[in-house]
C-alpha cells in the first residue's frame, strides 16, 4: 500500500468520495423536502424556489464528481471500462426517462405527492451511497489541493 494511502475506516482526516456523495445526496434530500414543505404550506414562491435550486446546483457540483471518483475505487481495473460504459449509458437513459417519469408522476399523483416521492427516493439513494465501502483512499498532496482550489476559483470566476 502506498505511503499516502489510508484505510477510510481508520482515520477521520479525509473525505472519501462515498461520504461526499452521501452528504450531497442528503443535502439534495433536504432541499427536495424543503420544496415539498413549501408546496404543502402553499408558500411556494419564485424567489424561494430559485434559492433552493441554487443550493441544489451547488450540491450537485459535489455529488457528480464524487460519484465519478468513487467508481474506480469500487470496481476492479479489468471491469472499469465496462462500468464506465454502464454508468454513462444509465446517465443518458436517465436524462431522457427522468423528465418523462417525473411528468407522469406529477400527472398521476399530483405535484406535492410527486415531490414527496422524489424526496423519499433521494433519501434511499443517500443511504445506498453511504453504504458503499471503498478499500483505500489516497489523500491528495498539498500541491494537488492547491491546484484544485485554484481550478475551483477559476471555474467560479468564469461562471460569474
N, C-alpha and C. Protein backbone atom coordinates (compact mmCIF):
# COMPACT_ATOMS: atom_id res chain seq x y z
N UNK A 1 0.85 -1.17 0.00
CA UNK A 1 0.00 0.00 0.00
C UNK A 1 0.90 1.23 0.00
N UNK A 2 0.60 2.23 -0.88
CA UNK A 2 1.43 3.44 -0.91
C UNK A 2 1.42 4.14 0.43
N UNK A 3 2.49 4.91 0.68
CA UNK A 3 2.59 5.54 1.99
C UNK A 3 1.50 6.58 2.24
N UNK A 4 0.90 7.17 1.18
CA UNK A 4 -0.15 8.16 1.40
C UNK A 4 -1.54 7.55 1.29
N UNK A 5 -1.63 6.23 1.22
CA UNK A 5 -2.93 5.58 1.19
C UNK A 5 -3.35 5.21 2.61
N UNK A 6 -4.58 5.52 2.92
CA UNK A 6 -5.10 5.23 4.25
C UNK A 6 -6.38 4.44 4.15
N UNK A 7 -6.64 3.67 5.15
CA UNK A 7 -7.91 2.98 5.26
C UNK A 7 -8.94 4.00 5.74
N UNK A 8 -10.04 4.22 4.99
CA UNK A 8 -11.01 5.23 5.39
C UNK A 8 -11.67 4.93 6.72
N UNK A 9 -11.63 3.68 7.14
CA UNK A 9 -12.25 3.31 8.41
C UNK A 9 -11.36 3.69 9.60
N UNK A 10 -10.06 3.90 9.36
CA UNK A 10 -9.14 4.07 10.48
C UNK A 10 -8.94 5.52 10.92
N UNK A 11 -9.18 6.48 10.05
CA UNK A 11 -8.99 7.88 10.44
C UNK A 11 -10.15 8.71 9.97
N UNK A 12 -10.32 9.87 10.56
CA UNK A 12 -11.35 10.78 10.13
C UNK A 12 -10.77 12.01 9.48
N UNK A 13 -9.55 11.93 8.96
CA UNK A 13 -8.84 13.09 8.44
C UNK A 13 -8.96 13.24 6.93
N UNK A 14 -9.94 12.65 6.33
CA UNK A 14 -10.12 12.75 4.89
C UNK A 14 -11.60 12.59 4.57
N UNK A 15 -11.93 12.86 3.34
CA UNK A 15 -13.31 12.74 2.89
C UNK A 15 -13.37 11.83 1.67
N UNK A 16 -13.63 10.55 1.88
CA UNK A 16 -13.73 9.64 0.75
C UNK A 16 -14.94 10.00 -0.12
N UNK A 17 -14.88 9.66 -1.40
CA UNK A 17 -15.95 10.04 -2.33
C UNK A 17 -17.33 9.56 -1.90
N UNK A 18 -17.42 8.37 -1.28
CA UNK A 18 -18.74 7.91 -0.88
C UNK A 18 -19.33 8.79 0.21
N UNK A 19 -18.50 9.34 1.08
CA UNK A 19 -19.01 10.25 2.11
C UNK A 19 -19.44 11.58 1.50
N UNK A 20 -18.65 12.11 0.58
CA UNK A 20 -19.01 13.36 -0.08
C UNK A 20 -20.30 13.18 -0.86
N UNK A 21 -20.41 12.07 -1.60
CA UNK A 21 -21.62 11.80 -2.37
C UNK A 21 -22.82 11.62 -1.45
N UNK A 22 -22.65 10.92 -0.33
CA UNK A 22 -23.76 10.73 0.60
C UNK A 22 -24.20 12.06 1.21
N UNK A 23 -23.25 12.90 1.59
CA UNK A 23 -23.59 14.20 2.17
C UNK A 23 -24.33 15.05 1.14
N UNK A 24 -23.83 15.05 -0.10
CA UNK A 24 -24.50 15.83 -1.16
C UNK A 24 -25.91 15.30 -1.41
N UNK A 25 -26.08 13.98 -1.37
CA UNK A 25 -27.40 13.41 -1.59
C UNK A 25 -28.33 13.72 -0.42
N UNK A 26 -27.80 13.73 0.80
CA UNK A 26 -28.61 14.15 1.95
C UNK A 26 -29.02 15.61 1.79
N UNK A 27 -28.09 16.44 1.34
CA UNK A 27 -28.42 17.86 1.09
C UNK A 27 -29.53 17.96 0.05
N UNK A 28 -29.43 17.18 -1.04
CA UNK A 28 -30.47 17.18 -2.06
C UNK A 28 -31.80 16.71 -1.48
N UNK A 29 -31.75 15.71 -0.60
CA UNK A 29 -32.97 15.22 0.04
C UNK A 29 -33.61 16.32 0.87
N UNK A 30 -32.80 17.03 1.66
CA UNK A 30 -33.33 18.11 2.49
C UNK A 30 -33.89 19.25 1.64
N UNK A 31 -33.22 19.55 0.55
CA UNK A 31 -33.70 20.61 -0.34
C UNK A 31 -35.00 20.21 -1.03
N UNK A 32 -35.08 18.96 -1.47
CA UNK A 32 -36.32 18.47 -2.05
C UNK A 32 -37.44 18.46 -1.01
N UNK A 33 -37.09 18.10 0.22
CA UNK A 33 -38.06 18.15 1.32
C UNK A 33 -38.53 19.57 1.59
N UNK A 34 -37.60 20.54 1.47
CA UNK A 34 -37.98 21.95 1.67
C UNK A 34 -38.97 22.39 0.59
N UNK A 35 -38.73 21.98 -0.65
CA UNK A 35 -39.68 22.31 -1.72
C UNK A 35 -41.04 21.66 -1.46
N UNK A 36 -41.01 20.42 -1.00
CA UNK A 36 -42.25 19.72 -0.67
C UNK A 36 -42.99 20.45 0.44
N UNK A 37 -42.26 20.89 1.45
CA UNK A 37 -42.87 21.63 2.55
C UNK A 37 -43.47 22.95 2.06
N UNK A 38 -42.77 23.63 1.16
CA UNK A 38 -43.32 24.85 0.58
C UNK A 38 -44.63 24.58 -0.16
N UNK A 39 -44.68 23.46 -0.87
CA UNK A 39 -45.90 23.09 -1.57
C UNK A 39 -47.03 22.77 -0.59
N UNK A 40 -46.69 22.03 0.46
CA UNK A 40 -47.70 21.65 1.45
C UNK A 40 -48.30 22.85 2.18
N UNK A 41 -47.51 23.87 2.37
CA UNK A 41 -47.96 25.05 3.13
C UNK A 41 -48.39 26.20 2.22
N UNK A 42 -48.49 25.94 0.92
CA UNK A 42 -48.85 26.98 -0.06
C UNK A 42 -47.92 28.19 0.02
N UNK A 43 -46.66 27.96 0.32
CA UNK A 43 -45.68 29.04 0.41
C UNK A 43 -44.66 28.91 -0.73
N UNK A 44 -45.06 28.33 -1.82
CA UNK A 44 -44.19 28.05 -2.96
C UNK A 44 -44.09 29.30 -3.83
N UNK A 45 -43.05 30.11 -3.61
CA UNK A 45 -42.86 31.34 -4.36
C UNK A 45 -41.59 31.26 -5.18
N UNK A 46 -41.52 32.06 -6.20
CA UNK A 46 -40.41 32.00 -7.14
C UNK A 46 -39.06 32.26 -6.47
N UNK A 47 -38.95 33.26 -5.62
CA UNK A 47 -37.65 33.58 -5.02
C UNK A 47 -37.14 32.44 -4.13
N UNK A 48 -38.00 31.80 -3.39
CA UNK A 48 -37.59 30.65 -2.57
C UNK A 48 -37.19 29.47 -3.41
N UNK A 49 -37.91 29.26 -4.51
CA UNK A 49 -37.60 28.16 -5.42
C UNK A 49 -36.25 28.38 -6.10
N UNK A 50 -35.98 29.62 -6.49
CA UNK A 50 -34.70 29.94 -7.12
C UNK A 50 -33.55 29.72 -6.13
N UNK A 51 -33.74 30.16 -4.89
CA UNK A 51 -32.71 29.98 -3.86
C UNK A 51 -32.43 28.50 -3.63
N UNK A 52 -33.48 27.71 -3.47
CA UNK A 52 -33.31 26.27 -3.23
C UNK A 52 -32.68 25.61 -4.45
N UNK A 53 -33.06 26.05 -5.65
CA UNK A 53 -32.47 25.49 -6.87
C UNK A 53 -30.98 25.79 -6.94
N UNK A 54 -30.58 26.99 -6.52
CA UNK A 54 -29.15 27.33 -6.48
C UNK A 54 -28.39 26.44 -5.53
N UNK A 55 -28.96 26.21 -4.35
CA UNK A 55 -28.32 25.31 -3.38
C UNK A 55 -28.25 23.88 -3.93
N UNK A 56 -29.30 23.49 -4.62
CA UNK A 56 -29.32 22.15 -5.23
C UNK A 56 -28.19 22.04 -6.25
N UNK A 57 -27.98 23.08 -7.05
CA UNK A 57 -26.89 23.09 -8.03
C UNK A 57 -25.53 22.97 -7.38
N UNK A 58 -25.35 23.68 -6.26
CA UNK A 58 -24.08 23.59 -5.53
C UNK A 58 -23.87 22.16 -5.02
N UNK A 59 -24.92 21.57 -4.49
CA UNK A 59 -24.82 20.20 -4.01
C UNK A 59 -24.48 19.24 -5.15
N UNK A 60 -25.11 19.43 -6.29
CA UNK A 60 -24.82 18.59 -7.46
C UNK A 60 -23.37 18.75 -7.92
N UNK A 61 -22.81 19.95 -7.72
CA UNK A 61 -21.41 20.19 -8.10
C UNK A 61 -20.46 19.33 -7.28
N UNK A 62 -20.88 18.89 -6.11
CA UNK A 62 -20.08 17.98 -5.31
C UNK A 62 -20.45 16.53 -5.60
N UNK A 63 -21.73 16.28 -5.82
CA UNK A 63 -22.21 14.91 -5.99
C UNK A 63 -21.65 14.25 -7.25
N UNK A 64 -21.75 14.92 -8.37
CA UNK A 64 -21.37 14.28 -9.63
C UNK A 64 -19.89 13.88 -9.65
N UNK A 65 -18.95 14.79 -9.32
CA UNK A 65 -17.55 14.37 -9.32
C UNK A 65 -17.26 13.27 -8.28
N UNK A 66 -17.94 13.33 -7.14
CA UNK A 66 -17.71 12.31 -6.11
C UNK A 66 -18.14 10.94 -6.59
N UNK A 67 -19.27 10.86 -7.29
CA UNK A 67 -19.70 9.55 -7.79
C UNK A 67 -18.76 9.05 -8.88
N UNK A 68 -18.25 9.97 -9.70
CA UNK A 68 -17.28 9.55 -10.72
C UNK A 68 -15.97 9.08 -10.09
N UNK A 69 -15.55 9.74 -9.01
CA UNK A 69 -14.31 9.34 -8.32
C UNK A 69 -14.49 8.03 -7.57
N UNK A 70 -15.71 7.73 -7.20
CA UNK A 70 -15.99 6.52 -6.44
C UNK A 70 -15.86 5.26 -7.30
N UNK A 71 -16.27 5.35 -8.54
CA UNK A 71 -16.31 4.17 -9.40
C UNK A 71 -14.97 3.42 -9.49
N UNK A 72 -13.84 4.08 -9.77
CA UNK A 72 -12.59 3.32 -9.86
C UNK A 72 -12.14 2.71 -8.53
N UNK A 73 -12.70 3.19 -7.44
CA UNK A 73 -12.29 2.67 -6.13
C UNK A 73 -13.12 1.46 -5.70
N UNK A 74 -14.20 1.18 -6.42
CA UNK A 74 -15.02 0.03 -6.03
C UNK A 74 -15.09 -1.03 -7.12
N UNK A 75 -14.56 -0.71 -8.30
CA UNK A 75 -14.60 -1.65 -9.43
C UNK A 75 -13.17 -2.09 -9.76
N UNK A 76 -13.00 -3.38 -10.04
CA UNK A 76 -11.69 -3.88 -10.46
C UNK A 76 -11.27 -3.20 -11.75
N UNK A 77 -9.96 -2.96 -11.90
CA UNK A 77 -9.45 -2.29 -13.11
C UNK A 77 -9.87 -3.00 -14.38
N UNK A 78 -9.95 -4.32 -14.34
CA UNK A 78 -10.31 -5.08 -15.54
C UNK A 78 -11.75 -4.82 -15.96
N UNK A 79 -12.59 -4.35 -15.06
CA UNK A 79 -14.00 -4.11 -15.37
C UNK A 79 -14.35 -2.63 -15.41
N UNK A 80 -13.36 -1.77 -15.23
CA UNK A 80 -13.61 -0.33 -15.13
C UNK A 80 -14.19 0.24 -16.42
N UNK A 81 -13.67 -0.16 -17.57
CA UNK A 81 -14.20 0.35 -18.84
C UNK A 81 -15.67 -0.02 -19.00
N UNK A 82 -15.99 -1.25 -18.66
CA UNK A 82 -17.38 -1.70 -18.74
C UNK A 82 -18.26 -0.94 -17.75
N UNK A 83 -17.77 -0.72 -16.54
CA UNK A 83 -18.53 0.01 -15.53
C UNK A 83 -18.75 1.46 -15.96
N UNK A 84 -17.70 2.09 -16.54
CA UNK A 84 -17.85 3.45 -17.04
C UNK A 84 -18.91 3.51 -18.15
N UNK A 85 -18.89 2.53 -19.03
CA UNK A 85 -19.89 2.49 -20.11
C UNK A 85 -21.30 2.36 -19.53
N UNK A 86 -21.46 1.49 -18.54
CA UNK A 86 -22.78 1.33 -17.90
C UNK A 86 -23.21 2.62 -17.21
N UNK A 87 -22.26 3.26 -16.54
CA UNK A 87 -22.59 4.50 -15.82
C UNK A 87 -22.99 5.60 -16.80
N UNK A 88 -22.22 5.77 -17.87
CA UNK A 88 -22.54 6.80 -18.85
C UNK A 88 -23.84 6.48 -19.58
N UNK A 89 -24.04 5.22 -19.89
CA UNK A 89 -25.28 4.81 -20.56
C UNK A 89 -26.50 5.04 -19.68
N UNK A 90 -26.37 4.69 -18.40
CA UNK A 90 -27.51 4.90 -17.49
C UNK A 90 -27.78 6.38 -17.28
N UNK A 91 -26.71 7.20 -17.31
CA UNK A 91 -26.90 8.64 -17.18
C UNK A 91 -27.67 9.19 -18.38
N UNK A 92 -27.31 8.75 -19.58
CA UNK A 92 -28.01 9.19 -20.78
C UNK A 92 -29.47 8.74 -20.74
N UNK A 93 -29.69 7.52 -20.32
CA UNK A 93 -31.06 7.00 -20.22
C UNK A 93 -31.88 7.78 -19.20
N UNK A 94 -31.26 8.08 -18.06
CA UNK A 94 -32.00 8.83 -17.04
C UNK A 94 -32.27 10.26 -17.46
N UNK A 95 -31.39 10.84 -18.30
CA UNK A 95 -31.64 12.19 -18.82
C UNK A 95 -32.86 12.21 -19.73
N UNK A 96 -33.15 11.09 -20.38
CA UNK A 96 -34.32 11.01 -21.25
C UNK A 96 -35.55 10.58 -20.46
N UNK A 97 -35.42 9.51 -19.69
CA UNK A 97 -36.57 8.95 -18.98
C UNK A 97 -36.95 9.73 -17.73
N UNK A 98 -35.96 10.35 -17.06
CA UNK A 98 -36.24 11.06 -15.81
C UNK A 98 -37.33 12.11 -15.94
N UNK A 99 -37.20 13.06 -16.87
CA UNK A 99 -38.25 14.07 -17.00
C UNK A 99 -39.61 13.48 -17.39
N UNK A 100 -39.60 12.44 -18.23
CA UNK A 100 -40.86 11.80 -18.62
C UNK A 100 -41.52 11.13 -17.42
N UNK A 101 -40.72 10.43 -16.62
CA UNK A 101 -41.27 9.79 -15.42
C UNK A 101 -41.73 10.82 -14.39
N UNK A 102 -40.97 11.92 -14.26
CA UNK A 102 -41.38 12.98 -13.33
C UNK A 102 -42.70 13.59 -13.77
N UNK A 103 -42.83 13.86 -15.06
CA UNK A 103 -44.10 14.40 -15.57
C UNK A 103 -45.25 13.44 -15.36
N UNK A 104 -45.00 12.15 -15.58
CA UNK A 104 -46.04 11.14 -15.34
C UNK A 104 -46.42 11.07 -13.88
N UNK A 105 -45.42 11.13 -12.99
CA UNK A 105 -45.70 11.08 -11.55
C UNK A 105 -46.54 12.29 -11.14
N UNK A 106 -46.21 13.46 -11.68
CA UNK A 106 -46.98 14.67 -11.35
C UNK A 106 -48.41 14.53 -11.87
N UNK A 107 -48.58 14.00 -13.07
CA UNK A 107 -49.92 13.84 -13.63
C UNK A 107 -50.74 12.83 -12.83
N UNK A 108 -50.11 11.73 -12.47
CA UNK A 108 -50.84 10.65 -11.77
C UNK A 108 -51.06 10.99 -10.29
N UNK A 109 -50.01 11.43 -9.61
CA UNK A 109 -50.06 11.64 -8.16
C UNK A 109 -50.45 13.07 -7.77
N UNK A 110 -50.06 14.03 -8.58
CA UNK A 110 -50.19 15.43 -8.22
C UNK A 110 -48.81 15.97 -7.86
N UNK A 111 -48.69 17.29 -7.85
CA UNK A 111 -47.38 17.91 -7.67
C UNK A 111 -46.76 17.61 -6.29
N UNK A 112 -47.51 17.83 -5.23
CA UNK A 112 -46.96 17.63 -3.89
C UNK A 112 -46.60 16.17 -3.62
N UNK A 113 -47.47 15.20 -3.93
CA UNK A 113 -47.06 13.80 -3.74
C UNK A 113 -45.87 13.40 -4.60
N UNK A 114 -45.75 13.97 -5.80
CA UNK A 114 -44.60 13.65 -6.65
C UNK A 114 -43.32 14.18 -6.01
N UNK A 115 -43.36 15.38 -5.43
CA UNK A 115 -42.19 15.91 -4.73
C UNK A 115 -41.89 15.08 -3.49
N UNK A 116 -42.91 14.61 -2.82
CA UNK A 116 -42.72 13.75 -1.65
C UNK A 116 -42.03 12.45 -2.06
N UNK A 117 -42.48 11.87 -3.17
CA UNK A 117 -41.86 10.65 -3.69
C UNK A 117 -40.39 10.91 -4.05
N UNK A 118 -40.12 12.03 -4.70
CA UNK A 118 -38.75 12.40 -5.06
C UNK A 118 -37.88 12.49 -3.82
N UNK A 119 -38.40 13.12 -2.78
CA UNK A 119 -37.64 13.26 -1.53
C UNK A 119 -37.33 11.89 -0.93
N UNK A 120 -38.32 11.00 -0.94
CA UNK A 120 -38.11 9.65 -0.40
C UNK A 120 -37.06 8.90 -1.22
N UNK A 121 -37.12 9.02 -2.55
CA UNK A 121 -36.15 8.33 -3.40
C UNK A 121 -34.74 8.88 -3.20
N UNK A 122 -34.62 10.19 -3.01
CA UNK A 122 -33.31 10.77 -2.72
C UNK A 122 -32.76 10.26 -1.39
N UNK A 123 -33.63 10.12 -0.40
CA UNK A 123 -33.19 9.60 0.91
C UNK A 123 -32.69 8.16 0.78
N UNK A 124 -33.39 7.36 0.00
CA UNK A 124 -32.95 5.97 -0.22
C UNK A 124 -31.60 5.97 -0.94
N UNK A 125 -31.46 6.84 -1.94
CA UNK A 125 -30.19 6.94 -2.67
C UNK A 125 -29.04 7.35 -1.76
N UNK A 126 -29.29 8.30 -0.86
CA UNK A 126 -28.25 8.72 0.08
C UNK A 126 -27.81 7.55 0.95
N UNK A 127 -28.77 6.78 1.42
CA UNK A 127 -28.44 5.61 2.23
C UNK A 127 -27.62 4.59 1.47
N UNK A 128 -27.99 4.36 0.21
CA UNK A 128 -27.25 3.40 -0.61
C UNK A 128 -25.82 3.88 -0.87
N UNK A 129 -25.67 5.17 -1.18
CA UNK A 129 -24.32 5.70 -1.42
C UNK A 129 -23.49 5.62 -0.16
N UNK A 130 -24.10 5.93 0.98
CA UNK A 130 -23.36 5.88 2.24
C UNK A 130 -22.86 4.47 2.54
N UNK A 131 -23.62 3.47 2.15
CA UNK A 131 -23.25 2.08 2.44
C UNK A 131 -22.13 1.55 1.56
N UNK A 132 -21.80 2.25 0.49
CA UNK A 132 -20.70 1.83 -0.38
C UNK A 132 -19.41 1.96 0.41
N UNK A 133 -18.62 0.92 0.41
CA UNK A 133 -17.35 0.93 1.13
C UNK A 133 -16.21 0.81 0.14
N UNK A 134 -15.20 1.63 0.33
CA UNK A 134 -14.02 1.56 -0.53
C UNK A 134 -12.88 0.97 0.28
N UNK A 135 -11.96 0.34 -0.43
CA UNK A 135 -10.85 -0.33 0.26
C UNK A 135 -9.78 0.63 0.74
N UNK A 136 -9.51 1.65 -0.04
CA UNK A 136 -8.48 2.60 0.37
C UNK A 136 -8.80 3.96 -0.24
N UNK A 137 -8.25 4.97 0.35
CA UNK A 137 -8.43 6.33 -0.14
C UNK A 137 -7.09 7.02 -0.10
N UNK A 138 -6.72 7.61 -1.20
CA UNK A 138 -5.42 8.29 -1.28
C UNK A 138 -5.65 9.76 -0.99
N UNK A 139 -4.98 10.27 0.03
CA UNK A 139 -5.11 11.67 0.40
C UNK A 139 -4.31 12.52 -0.58
N UNK A 140 -4.96 13.54 -1.17
CA UNK A 140 -4.22 14.39 -2.10
C UNK A 140 -3.11 15.16 -1.40
N UNK A 141 -2.03 15.41 -2.13
CA UNK A 141 -0.93 16.18 -1.59
C UNK A 141 -1.35 17.64 -1.48
N UNK A 142 -0.64 18.44 -0.66
CA UNK A 142 -0.96 19.87 -0.57
C UNK A 142 -0.90 20.57 -1.92
N UNK A 143 0.02 20.16 -2.79
CA UNK A 143 0.11 20.76 -4.12
C UNK A 143 -1.15 20.45 -4.93
N UNK A 144 -1.64 19.20 -4.85
CA UNK A 144 -2.86 18.83 -5.56
C UNK A 144 -4.05 19.61 -5.02
N UNK A 145 -4.13 19.79 -3.70
CA UNK A 145 -5.22 20.56 -3.11
C UNK A 145 -5.15 22.02 -3.54
N UNK A 146 -3.94 22.58 -3.60
CA UNK A 146 -3.76 23.97 -4.03
C UNK A 146 -4.21 24.12 -5.49
N UNK A 147 -3.83 23.17 -6.33
CA UNK A 147 -4.23 23.20 -7.74
C UNK A 147 -5.74 23.08 -7.86
N UNK A 148 -6.34 22.17 -7.10
CA UNK A 148 -7.78 22.00 -7.13
C UNK A 148 -8.49 23.29 -6.70
N UNK A 149 -7.99 23.91 -5.64
CA UNK A 149 -8.58 25.16 -5.16
C UNK A 149 -8.50 26.24 -6.25
N UNK A 150 -7.36 26.33 -6.90
CA UNK A 150 -7.20 27.31 -7.97
C UNK A 150 -8.17 27.03 -9.12
N UNK A 151 -8.36 25.75 -9.45
CA UNK A 151 -9.28 25.39 -10.54
C UNK A 151 -10.73 25.70 -10.17
N UNK A 152 -11.10 25.47 -8.91
CA UNK A 152 -12.45 25.79 -8.46
C UNK A 152 -12.70 27.29 -8.58
N UNK A 153 -11.76 28.10 -8.09
CA UNK A 153 -11.90 29.56 -8.16
C UNK A 153 -11.95 30.04 -9.60
N UNK A 154 -11.15 29.44 -10.46
CA UNK A 154 -11.16 29.81 -11.88
C UNK A 154 -12.53 29.49 -12.49
N UNK A 155 -13.07 28.35 -12.13
CA UNK A 155 -14.40 27.98 -12.62
C UNK A 155 -15.48 28.92 -12.12
N UNK A 156 -15.39 29.31 -10.85
CA UNK A 156 -16.37 30.24 -10.30
C UNK A 156 -16.27 31.61 -10.96
N UNK A 157 -15.02 32.07 -11.21
CA UNK A 157 -14.85 33.36 -11.89
C UNK A 157 -15.41 33.29 -13.31
N UNK A 158 -15.19 32.18 -13.99
CA UNK A 158 -15.69 32.02 -15.35
C UNK A 158 -17.23 32.01 -15.36
N UNK A 159 -17.83 31.36 -14.36
CA UNK A 159 -19.29 31.24 -14.30
C UNK A 159 -19.96 32.55 -13.93
N UNK A 160 -19.24 33.44 -13.26
CA UNK A 160 -19.89 34.69 -12.82
C UNK A 160 -19.75 35.82 -13.81
